[in-house]
Amino acid sequence: MLKSLFAFCIALAPAIVSASELPDTTVEKVLGISGVHHEPNKYLKTDTTYRSAAGTSLFTLRVAPSGDFAGWKATQAAKSEAVAGVGLEAFTHKTLGGLCARSKDTAVCVSSVPFPGRPALTRQQLIDLVTAAF
């Protein structure tokens, strides 16, 4: 699983734009919780991490030019599953969770790998977050 997670992160790394942010209030509404806050990733300028009031990582949002989507998808082809009705094209990673999609100009990925202390997001929550980021 760590090898897949590493490959997934590397595939997303080439993006060259600054991360867009979802308003914390939007995330709170989608997740049904309060006290959400976010922080830009220090190393990958395309990423923003959202945390609960207690500081638990909830998910990472990655926003990049639409052309980056093809690389994300190609790297994850063996473990991805198409998702209909989200942007022009979308996929989810079968074992790592998360959802990546593209619109005409933008590629968006919400990564939420569940582990102890970090709840898994539902498929609908992932769809709502990605859609809000477009």
C-alpha atoms as a PDB file:
ATOM      1  CA  MET A   1       0.000   0.000   0.000  1.00  0.00           C
ATOM      2  CA  LEU A   2       2.838   2.429   0.763  1.00  0.00           C
ATOM      3  CA  LYS A   3       4.287   1.812  -2.688  1.00  0.00           C
ATOM      4  CA  SER A   4       0.896   2.692  -4.245  1.00  0.00           C
ATOM      5  CA  LEU A   5       0.566   5.779  -2.057  1.00  0.00           C
ATOM      6  CA  PHE A   6       4.071   6.917  -3.049  1.00  0.00           C
ATOM      7  CA  ALA A   7       3.318   6.394  -6.761  1.00  0.00           C
ATOM      8  CA  PHE A   8       0.035   8.269  -6.377  1.00  0.00           C
ATOM      9  CA  CYS A   9       1.772  11.241  -4.719  1.00  0.00           C
ATOM     10  CA  ILE A  10       4.565  11.325  -7.304  1.00  0.00           C
ATOM     11  CA  ALA A  11       2.024  11.230 -10.131  1.00  0.00           C
ATOM     12  CA  LEU A  12       0.329  14.292  -8.738  1.00  0.00           C
ATOM     13  CA  ALA A  13       3.545  16.242  -8.085  1.00  0.00           C
ATOM     14  CA  PRO A  14       4.230  17.823 -11.520  1.00  0.00           C
ATOM     15  CA  ALA A  15       1.482  20.414 -11.273  1.00  0.00           C
ATOM     16  CA  ILE A  16       2.865  23.937 -11.426  1.00  0.00           C
ATOM     17  CA  VAL A  17       0.053  26.227 -10.277  1.00  0.00           C
ATOM     18  CA  SER A  18      -0.646  27.447  -6.775  1.00  0.00           C
ATOM     19  CA  ALA A  19      -3.284  25.560  -4.867  1.00  0.00           C
ATOM     20  CA  SER A  20      -6.804  26.853  -4.886  1.00  0.00           C
ATOM     21  CA  GLU A  21      -8.602  26.710  -1.630  1.00  0.00           C
ATOM     22  CA  LEU A  22     -12.101  25.739  -0.703  1.00  0.00           C
ATOM     23  CA  PRO A  23     -13.599  27.988   1.935  1.00  0.00           C
ATOM     24  CA  ASP A  24     -13.555  26.274   5.323  1.00  0.00           C
ATOM     25  CA  THR A  25     -17.302  26.890   5.581  1.00  0.00           C
ATOM     26  CA  THR A  26     -17.878  24.891   2.377  1.00  0.00           C
ATOM     27  CA  VAL A  27     -15.877  21.971   3.767  1.00  0.00           C
ATOM     28  CA  GLU A  28     -17.769  22.173   7.065  1.00  0.00           C
ATOM     29  CA  LYS A  29     -21.088  22.026   5.208  1.00  0.00           C
ATOM     30  CA  VAL A  30     -20.043  19.040   3.051  1.00  0.00           C
ATOM     31  CA  LEU A  31     -18.585  17.087   5.993  1.00  0.00           C
ATOM     32  CA  GLY A  32     -21.200  18.123   8.553  1.00  0.00           C
ATOM     33  CA  ILE A  33     -18.642  19.300  11.108  1.00  0.00           C
ATOM     34  CA  SER A  34     -17.438  22.649  12.439  1.00  0.00           C
ATOM     35  CA  GLY A  35     -14.028  24.098  13.191  1.00  0.00           C
ATOM     36  CA  VAL A  36     -12.382  23.083   9.900  1.00  0.00           C
ATOM     37  CA  HIS A  37      -9.228  24.974   8.967  1.00  0.00           C
ATOM     38  CA  HIS A  38      -6.729  24.591   6.136  1.00  0.00           C
ATOM     39  CA  GLU A  39      -3.030  25.069   5.507  1.00  0.00           C
ATOM     40  CA  PRO A  40      -1.023  25.104   2.281  1.00  0.00           C
ATOM     41  CA  ASN A  41       1.492  22.305   1.829  1.00  0.00           C
ATOM     42  CA  LYS A  42       5.029  23.585   2.386  1.00  0.00           C
ATOM     43  CA  TYR A  43       6.509  21.391  -0.343  1.00  0.00           C
ATOM     44  CA  LEU A  44       3.819  20.957  -2.987  1.00  0.00           C
ATOM     45  CA  LYS A  45       2.382  24.359  -3.756  1.00  0.00           C
ATOM     46  CA  THR A  46      -0.604  22.755  -5.501  1.00  0.00           C
ATOM     47  CA  ASP A  47      -1.802  21.139  -2.256  1.00  0.00           C
ATOM     48  CA  THR A  48      -3.876  22.361   0.648  1.00  0.00           C
ATOM     49  CA  THR A  49      -4.557  20.184   3.699  1.00  0.00           C
ATOM     50  CA  TYR A  50      -7.832  20.501   5.587  1.00  0.00           C
ATOM     51  CA  ARG A  51      -7.931  19.677   9.301  1.00  0.00           C
ATOM     52  CA  SER A  52     -10.588  19.232  11.947  1.00  0.00           C
ATOM     53  CA  ALA A  53     -10.851  21.522  14.963  1.00  0.00           C
ATOM     54  CA  ALA A  54      -8.732  18.947  16.840  1.00  0.00           C
ATOM     55  CA  GLY A  55      -6.018  19.119  14.159  1.00  0.00           C
ATOM     56  CA  THR A  56      -6.752  15.743  12.561  1.00  0.00           C
ATOM     57  CA  SER A  57      -6.009  15.692   8.833  1.00  0.00           C
ATOM     58  CA  LEU A  58      -9.278  15.271   6.933  1.00  0.00           C
ATOM     59  CA  PHE A  59      -8.105  15.417   3.311  1.00  0.00           C
ATOM     60  CA  THR A  60      -5.730  17.089   0.880  1.00  0.00           C
ATOM     61  CA  LEU A  61      -6.985  19.153  -2.041  1.00  0.00           C
ATOM     62  CA  ARG A  62      -4.826  19.364  -5.153  1.00  0.00           C
ATOM     63  CA  VAL A  63      -5.670  21.794  -7.963  1.00  0.00           C
ATOM     64  CA  ALA A  64      -3.682  21.874 -11.212  1.00  0.00           C
ATOM     65  CA  PRO A  65      -4.057  22.638 -14.915  1.00  0.00           C
ATOM     66  CA  SER A  66      -6.451  20.261 -16.687  1.00  0.00           C
ATOM     67  CA  GLY A  67      -3.594  18.675 -18.643  1.00  0.00           C
ATOM     68  CA  ASP A  68      -2.119  17.164 -15.459  1.00  0.00           C
ATOM     69  CA  PHE A  69      -5.151  14.901 -15.117  1.00  0.00           C
ATOM     70  CA  ALA A  70      -3.917  12.551 -17.861  1.00  0.00           C
ATOM     71  CA  GLY A  71      -0.710  11.876 -15.923  1.00  0.00           C
ATOM     72  CA  TRP A  72      -2.592  11.251 -12.688  1.00  0.00           C
ATOM     73  CA  LYS A  73      -4.897   8.824 -14.442  1.00  0.00           C
ATOM     74  CA  ALA A  74      -2.150   6.979 -16.341  1.00  0.00           C
ATOM     75  CA  THR A  75      -0.138   6.397 -13.181  1.00  0.00           C
ATOM     76  CA  GLN A  76      -3.145   4.971 -11.372  1.00  0.00           C
ATOM     77  CA  ALA A  77      -4.786   3.073 -14.259  1.00  0.00           C
ATOM     78  CA  ALA A  78      -4.416  -0.402 -12.735  1.00  0.00           C
ATOM     79  CA  LYS A  79      -6.065   0.613  -9.472  1.00  0.00           C
ATOM     80  CA  SER A  80      -8.533   3.230 -10.620  1.00  0.00           C
ATOM     81  CA  GLU A  81     -12.230   3.143 -11.342  1.00  0.00           C
ATOM     82  CA  ALA A  82     -14.105   5.648 -13.529  1.00  0.00           C
ATOM     83  CA  VAL A  83     -16.679   7.864 -11.842  1.00  0.00           C
ATOM     84  CA  ALA A  84     -19.510   9.246 -13.962  1.00  0.00           C
ATOM     85  CA  GLY A  85     -21.103  12.655 -13.568  1.00  0.00           C
ATOM     86  CA  VAL A  86     -18.153  14.546 -12.068  1.00  0.00           C
ATOM     87  CA  GLY A  87     -16.534  17.098 -14.368  1.00  0.00           C
ATOM     88  CA  LEU A  88     -15.632  15.981 -17.877  1.00  0.00           C
ATOM     89  CA  GLU A  89     -13.867  12.864 -16.556  1.00  0.00           C
ATOM     90  CA  ALA A  90     -13.161  11.450 -13.105  1.00  0.00           C
ATOM     91  CA  PHE A  91     -11.689   8.442 -11.326  1.00  0.00           C
ATOM     92  CA  THR A  92     -11.281   7.098  -7.835  1.00  0.00           C
ATOM     93  CA  HIS A  93      -8.388   5.020  -6.510  1.00  0.00           C
ATOM     94  CA  LYS A  94      -9.730   1.617  -5.419  1.00  0.00           C
ATOM     95  CA  THR A  95      -7.431   1.135  -2.426  1.00  0.00           C
ATOM     96  CA  LEU A  96      -6.275   4.615  -1.447  1.00  0.00           C
ATOM     97  CA  GLY A  97      -9.587   6.410  -1.684  1.00  0.00           C
ATOM     98  CA  GLY A  98      -9.846   9.911  -3.011  1.00  0.00           C
ATOM     99  CA  LEU A  99     -11.320  11.279  -6.204  1.00  0.00           C
ATOM    100  CA  CYS A 100      -9.684  13.082  -9.124  1.00  0.00           C
ATOM    101  CA  ALA A 101     -11.580  14.887 -11.874  1.00  0.00           C
ATOM    102  CA  ARG A 102     -11.058  17.418 -14.619  1.00  0.00           C
ATOM    103  CA  SER A 103     -13.019  20.244 -16.110  1.00  0.00           C
ATOM    104  CA  LYS A 104     -12.067  22.112 -19.264  1.00  0.00           C
ATOM    105  CA  ASP A 105      -9.373  24.156 -17.505  1.00  0.00           C
ATOM    106  CA  THR A 106      -8.764  22.533 -14.126  1.00  0.00           C
ATOM    107  CA  ALA A 107      -7.805  19.197 -12.615  1.00  0.00           C
ATOM    108  CA  VAL A 108      -8.814  18.565  -9.008  1.00  0.00           C
ATOM    109  CA  CYS A 109      -7.957  15.732  -6.667  1.00  0.00           C
ATOM    110  CA  VAL A 110      -9.232  15.169  -3.135  1.00  0.00           C
ATOM    111  CA  SER A 111      -7.059  12.616  -1.359  1.00  0.00           C
ATOM    112  CA  SER A 112      -8.326  11.055   1.812  1.00  0.00           C
ATOM    113  CA  VAL A 113      -6.469   7.930   2.871  1.00  0.00           C
ATOM    114  CA  PRO A 114      -8.227   6.590   5.971  1.00  0.00           C
ATOM    115  CA  PHE A 115      -6.014   5.582   8.853  1.00  0.00           C
ATOM    116  CA  PRO A 116      -6.414   5.618  12.647  1.00  0.00           C
ATOM    117  CA  GLY A 117      -7.783   8.961  13.744  1.00  0.00           C
ATOM    118  CA  ARG A 118      -8.624   9.983  10.179  1.00  0.00           C
ATOM    119  CA  PRO A 119     -12.145   9.090   9.093  1.00  0.00           C
ATOM    120  CA  ALA A 120     -12.823   7.962   5.546  1.00  0.00           C
ATOM    121  CA  LEU A 121     -14.823  10.379   3.425  1.00  0.00           C
ATOM    122  CA  THR A 122     -17.878   8.998   1.683  1.00  0.00           C
ATOM    123  CA  ARG A 123     -18.035   8.889  -2.094  1.00  0.00           C
ATOM    124  CA  GLN A 124     -20.687  11.630  -2.042  1.00  0.00           C
ATOM    125  CA  GLN A 125     -18.499  13.848   0.151  1.00  0.00           C
ATOM    126  CA  LEU A 126     -15.598  13.367  -2.271  1.00  0.00           C
ATOM    127  CA  ILE A 127     -17.838  14.269  -5.221  1.00  0.00           C
ATOM    128  CA  ASP A 128     -19.181  17.352  -3.428  1.00  0.00           C
ATOM    129  CA  LEU A 129     -15.676  18.568  -2.510  1.00  0.00           C
ATOM    130  CA  VAL A 130     -14.266  18.055  -6.015  1.00  0.00           C
ATOM    131  CA  THR A 131     -17.289  19.755  -7.583  1.00  0.00           C
ATOM    132  CA  ALA A 132     -16.960  22.724  -5.212  1.00  0.00           C
ATOM    133  CA  ALA A 133     -13.279  23.092  -6.150  1.00  0.00           C
ATOM    134  CA  PHE A 134     -13.983  23.575  -9.880  1.00  0.00           C
END
